[in-house]
Amino acid sequence: MQRRLAFVIAVSLAFPVCAWADFQAEYQVTKQGGDVPALSRIEVGGGQMRMDAGKVGMLFDTSAGRVLVLQNDKRTYMDMQKIADTTSAAMAQANAALANLPPEQRAMIQQRMGAAMAGAGAKLEVSVTPTGASDRVAGYSCEVYRTDIGGRHREDTCLADVSAAGIPGADHATVRKAFEQMKALGEKMSAGMFHSPVNQLPPDKFPVRITHYDDAGNPTQVVELKSIAVSSVPSGDFAVPAGYTEQQIDTHGRR
């Protein structure tokens, strides 16, 4: 679950809120390593957005308020709103049960729960800061932004100006709504322990290079922009593929 949340954060940071029209952006891995899914594609069109990284895809339908995660290797998908609702309800039931316990026992259980969640990395402090460095990638001038998660350097993203790519500003509402949904779901699922860093990112930028780092601060993976096409995106790209089944989350019997 932590790795999946880390993927969501990484992709969110790599793709800030911008004003774009229908388009497709393809990415390629120039340095392979680590276990973070590599961003491969981003599409926006008709009030919807899609992002692919490794075996995982994310579908946003901003008009319906729906966020789906595709697990392509398993041919399954998850409805993140349903999972957020289930998780939130389970936590509410747990809190209600704790309220009925004697104060000493309640304090002991809360202490153990807090230690377990901290050990699992549930509390994520995310910061995004400009490094002052600049570069040129895939023909675009870009500025490097550093991402720290839980106090550790996890990612550098080189961001270029949207205007340099010739992308018209017609789909701003779609992208903004998609990341507002991401932000709300992330905070709901983590019971407020994760706060989206989306607003820390500069507007009107797009990623041309993303570098991931391991726990020791060594670069493990580099993904760079391959191409951009400003054109109509097929509606089928935003649909769950045929034959995929929905994966449910069951909190019964879990601690």
Protein backbone atom coordinates (compact mmCIF):
# COMPACT_ATOMS: atom_id res chain seq x y z
CA MET A 1 0.00 0.00 0.00
CA GLN A 2 2.89 2.34 0.81
CA ARG A 3 4.50 1.67 -2.59
CA ARG A 4 1.18 2.34 -4.35
CA LEU A 5 0.72 5.60 -2.45
CA ALA A 6 4.32 6.51 -3.28
CA PHE A 7 3.54 5.96 -6.97
CA VAL A 8 0.50 8.26 -6.72
CA ILE A 9 2.63 10.93 -5.05
CA ALA A 10 5.43 10.58 -7.56
CA VAL A 11 3.14 10.89 -10.55
CA SER A 12 1.29 13.82 -8.96
CA LEU A 13 4.53 15.68 -8.37
CA ALA A 14 5.76 14.98 -11.87
CA PHE A 15 2.64 16.45 -13.45
CA PRO A 16 1.60 19.75 -11.86
CA VAL A 17 -1.67 21.61 -12.40
CA CYS A 18 -1.45 23.26 -15.81
CA ALA A 19 -3.67 24.73 -18.51
CA TRP A 20 -3.56 22.26 -21.38
CA ALA A 21 -5.80 21.18 -24.27
CA ASP A 22 -6.28 17.61 -25.52
CA PHE A 23 -2.84 16.08 -25.84
CA GLN A 24 -0.66 13.00 -25.48
CA ALA A 25 2.79 12.92 -23.89
CA GLU A 26 5.02 9.85 -24.23
CA TYR A 27 7.97 9.15 -21.91
CA GLN A 28 10.93 6.77 -22.07
CA VAL A 29 13.27 5.29 -19.45
CA THR A 30 16.88 6.35 -20.00
CA LYS A 31 18.18 4.79 -16.78
CA GLN A 32 16.46 1.69 -15.42
CA GLY A 33 16.61 0.72 -11.75
CA GLY A 34 14.75 0.65 -8.45
CA ASP A 35 11.18 -0.51 -7.96
CA VAL A 36 9.26 2.72 -8.72
CA PRO A 37 6.95 2.34 -11.75
CA ALA A 38 8.31 4.43 -14.64
CA LEU A 39 5.99 7.08 -16.07
CA SER A 40 5.25 6.17 -19.71
CA ARG A 41 2.19 8.16 -20.86
CA ILE A 42 -0.08 11.06 -19.95
CA GLU A 43 -3.26 11.98 -21.84
CA VAL A 44 -5.95 14.63 -21.39
CA GLY A 45 -9.16 14.99 -23.37
CA GLY A 46 -12.91 15.46 -23.03
CA GLY A 47 -12.83 16.23 -19.32
CA GLN A 48 -10.79 13.11 -18.58
CA MET A 49 -7.16 12.33 -17.84
CA ARG A 50 -5.05 9.17 -17.97
CA MET A 51 -1.58 8.42 -16.58
CA ASP A 52 0.40 5.20 -17.06
CA ALA A 53 3.46 4.05 -15.13
CA GLY A 54 4.78 0.51 -15.29
CA LYS A 55 1.92 -1.96 -14.90
CA VAL A 56 -0.32 0.67 -13.28
CA GLY A 57 -2.68 3.14 -14.93
CA MET A 58 -4.88 5.88 -13.47
CA LEU A 59 -8.13 7.11 -15.03
CA PHE A 60 -9.73 10.40 -13.97
CA ASP A 61 -13.28 11.34 -14.95
CA THR A 62 -13.66 14.84 -13.57
CA SER A 63 -17.34 15.18 -14.48
CA ALA A 64 -18.26 12.01 -12.58
CA GLY A 65 -15.72 12.61 -9.81
CA ARG A 66 -14.26 9.13 -10.36
CA VAL A 67 -10.66 7.94 -10.02
CA LEU A 68 -9.81 4.40 -11.10
CA VAL A 69 -6.50 2.56 -10.74
CA LEU A 70 -5.79 -0.11 -13.35
CA GLN A 71 -3.61 -3.08 -12.40
CA ASN A 72 -2.78 -4.26 -15.89
CA ASP A 73 -0.77 -7.32 -14.87
CA LYS A 74 -3.76 -8.61 -12.89
CA ARG A 75 -6.43 -7.32 -15.29
CA THR A 76 -8.22 -5.67 -12.38
CA TYR A 77 -9.13 -2.14 -11.39
CA MET A 78 -9.88 -0.30 -8.15
CA ASP A 79 -12.38 2.49 -7.59
CA MET A 80 -10.45 4.84 -5.30
CA GLN A 81 -13.59 6.60 -4.06
CA LYS A 82 -15.04 3.28 -2.87
CA ILE A 83 -11.75 2.35 -1.21
CA ALA A 84 -11.54 5.75 0.47
CA ASP A 85 -15.11 5.40 1.76
CA THR A 86 -14.44 1.87 3.04
CA THR A 87 -11.21 2.88 4.73
CA SER A 88 -12.80 5.93 6.31
CA ALA A 89 -15.77 3.88 7.60
CA ALA A 90 -13.45 1.24 9.06
CA MET A 91 -11.45 3.88 10.89
CA ALA A 92 -14.65 5.44 12.23
CA GLN A 93 -15.76 2.03 13.56
CA ALA A 94 -12.37 1.51 15.18
CA ASN A 95 -12.53 4.92 16.85
CA ALA A 96 -16.05 4.17 18.11
CA ALA A 97 -14.86 0.87 19.57
CA LEU A 98 -11.91 2.57 21.28
CA ALA A 99 -14.24 5.14 22.84
CA ASN A 100 -15.96 2.36 24.80
CA LEU A 101 -12.74 1.08 26.36
CA PRO A 102 -11.32 2.16 29.74
CA PRO A 103 -8.97 5.17 29.38
CA GLU A 104 -5.82 3.18 30.22
CA GLN A 105 -6.56 0.45 27.68
CA ARG A 106 -7.60 2.99 25.03
CA ALA A 107 -4.35 4.93 25.47
CA MET A 108 -2.29 1.75 25.20
CA ILE A 109 -4.00 0.65 21.96
CA GLN A 110 -3.74 4.11 20.42
CA GLN A 111 -0.04 4.20 21.26
CA ARG A 112 0.53 0.83 19.61
CA MET A 113 -1.49 1.82 16.54
CA GLY A 114 0.47 5.02 16.21
CA ALA A 115 3.78 3.20 16.43
CA ALA A 116 2.70 0.62 13.86
CA MET A 117 1.52 3.24 11.38
CA ALA A 118 4.68 5.28 11.83
CA GLY A 119 6.77 2.16 11.26
CA ALA A 120 4.87 1.46 8.06
CA GLY A 121 5.57 4.98 6.82
CA ALA A 122 1.91 6.01 6.96
CA LYS A 123 2.67 9.58 7.94
CA LEU A 124 4.17 11.28 4.92
CA GLU A 125 5.65 14.74 4.99
CA VAL A 126 6.15 15.95 1.43
CA SER A 127 8.03 19.04 0.33
CA VAL A 128 8.84 20.38 -3.13
CA THR A 129 11.55 23.02 -3.53
CA PRO A 130 13.37 24.60 -6.48
CA THR A 131 17.06 23.69 -6.56
CA GLY A 132 18.15 26.64 -8.70
CA ALA A 133 19.58 24.23 -11.29
CA SER A 134 18.50 24.26 -14.91
CA ASP A 135 19.00 21.96 -17.89
CA ARG A 136 17.81 21.21 -21.40
CA VAL A 137 15.96 17.95 -22.10
CA ALA A 138 14.28 16.80 -25.33
CA GLY A 139 14.78 20.27 -26.77
CA TYR A 140 13.13 22.07 -23.83
CA SER A 141 14.78 24.32 -21.26
CA CYS A 142 13.74 23.24 -17.75
CA GLU A 143 14.23 24.03 -14.07
CA VAL A 144 14.90 21.32 -11.48
CA TYR A 145 12.59 20.86 -8.48
CA ARG A 146 13.48 18.55 -5.60
CA THR A 147 10.92 16.34 -3.83
CA ASP A 148 11.46 15.07 -0.28
CA ILE A 149 9.11 12.47 1.22
CA GLY A 150 9.42 11.68 4.91
CA GLY A 151 12.59 13.75 5.11
CA ARG A 152 14.35 11.83 2.35
CA HIS A 153 15.32 12.98 -1.13
CA ARG A 154 13.10 10.91 -3.43
CA GLU A 155 12.84 12.72 -6.74
CA ASP A 156 14.09 15.51 -8.96
CA THR A 157 11.78 16.81 -11.69
CA CYS A 158 12.94 19.09 -14.47
CA LEU A 159 9.97 21.26 -15.47
CA ALA A 160 9.65 23.17 -18.73
CA ASP A 161 7.21 25.95 -19.68
CA VAL A 162 3.94 24.84 -21.26
CA SER A 163 4.16 27.69 -23.77
CA ALA A 164 7.44 26.27 -25.10
CA ALA A 165 5.65 23.09 -26.17
CA GLY A 166 2.90 24.99 -27.98
CA ILE A 167 0.16 23.38 -25.89
CA PRO A 168 -2.99 25.57 -25.87
CA GLY A 169 -4.60 26.43 -22.56
CA ALA A 170 -8.07 24.92 -23.06
CA ASP A 171 -8.27 22.07 -20.57
CA HIS A 172 -7.20 23.74 -17.36
CA ALA A 173 -10.37 22.76 -15.49
CA THR A 174 -9.90 19.05 -16.29
CA VAL A 175 -6.38 18.81 -14.90
CA ARG A 176 -7.18 20.97 -11.88
CA LYS A 177 -10.24 18.89 -10.98
CA ALA A 178 -8.28 15.64 -11.45
CA PHE A 179 -5.64 16.67 -8.96
CA GLU A 180 -8.17 18.09 -6.55
CA GLN A 181 -9.77 14.62 -6.57
CA MET A 182 -6.35 13.06 -6.00
CA LYS A 183 -5.71 15.41 -3.12
CA ALA A 184 -9.06 14.75 -1.44
CA LEU A 185 -8.79 10.96 -1.80
CA GLY A 186 -5.24 10.85 -0.50
CA GLU A 187 -6.09 12.83 2.60
CA LYS A 188 -9.27 10.84 3.22
CA MET A 189 -7.54 7.47 2.90
CA SER A 190 -4.70 8.50 5.21
CA ALA A 191 -7.03 10.07 7.82
CA GLY A 192 -5.34 13.43 7.35
CA MET A 193 -1.79 12.11 7.76
CA PHE A 194 -0.94 12.86 4.14
CA HIS A 195 -1.40 16.33 2.69
CA SER A 196 -1.11 16.76 -1.05
CA PRO A 197 1.89 18.81 -2.22
CA VAL A 198 0.16 19.78 -5.49
CA ASN A 199 -0.13 23.42 -4.49
CA GLN A 200 3.63 23.59 -3.91
CA LEU A 201 4.28 23.16 -7.62
CA PRO A 202 4.60 26.03 -10.09
CA PRO A 203 1.75 26.46 -12.60
CA ASP A 204 2.08 26.26 -16.37
CA LYS A 205 4.88 23.68 -16.30
CA PHE A 206 5.30 20.15 -17.61
CA PRO A 207 7.90 17.46 -16.76
CA VAL A 208 10.62 16.61 -19.26
CA ARG A 209 12.79 14.54 -16.92
CA ILE A 210 12.10 12.69 -13.66
CA THR A 211 14.92 11.22 -11.56
CA HIS A 212 14.17 8.83 -8.69
CA TYR A 213 16.52 8.21 -5.76
CA ASP A 214 17.00 5.33 -3.32
CA ASP A 215 17.23 5.56 0.48
CA ALA A 216 20.94 6.36 0.22
CA GLY A 217 20.31 9.27 -2.14
CA ASN A 218 21.64 7.52 -5.25
CA PRO A 219 19.79 7.95 -8.59
CA THR A 220 18.07 4.69 -9.52
CA GLN A 221 15.81 5.60 -12.43
CA VAL A 222 15.59 8.39 -15.00
CA VAL A 223 12.53 9.01 -17.20
CA GLU A 224 12.59 11.59 -19.99
CA LEU A 225 10.01 13.07 -22.34
CA LYS A 226 9.97 11.33 -25.71
CA SER A 227 7.27 13.22 -27.62
CA ILE A 228 4.20 15.46 -27.33
CA ALA A 229 1.21 15.45 -29.67
CA VAL A 230 -1.56 18.06 -29.43
CA SER A 231 -4.51 16.16 -30.87
CA SER A 232 -7.80 14.52 -29.96
CA VAL A 233 -7.38 11.54 -27.62
CA PRO A 234 -9.49 8.41 -28.39
CA SER A 235 -12.27 8.02 -25.81
CA GLY A 236 -11.35 4.36 -25.37
CA ASP A 237 -8.10 5.38 -23.71
CA PHE A 238 -10.11 6.64 -20.75
CA ALA A 239 -12.19 3.47 -20.32
CA VAL A 240 -11.54 0.33 -18.29
CA PRO A 241 -10.32 -2.33 -20.77
CA ALA A 242 -12.67 -5.19 -21.56
CA GLY A 243 -12.25 -8.22 -19.31
CA TYR A 244 -11.01 -6.28 -16.28
CA THR A 245 -12.76 -7.01 -12.97
CA GLU A 246 -13.14 -4.68 -10.02
CA GLN A 247 -10.99 -5.41 -6.98
CA GLN A 248 -12.69 -4.79 -3.66
CA ILE A 249 -11.11 -3.99 -0.30
CA ASP A 250 -12.23 -5.91 2.77
CA THR A 251 -11.40 -4.51 6.19
CA HIS A 252 -13.26 -7.17 8.20
CA GLY A 253 -11.05 -9.07 10.56
CA ARG A 254 -8.09 -6.71 10.05
CA ARG A 255 -6.42 -4.97 12.89
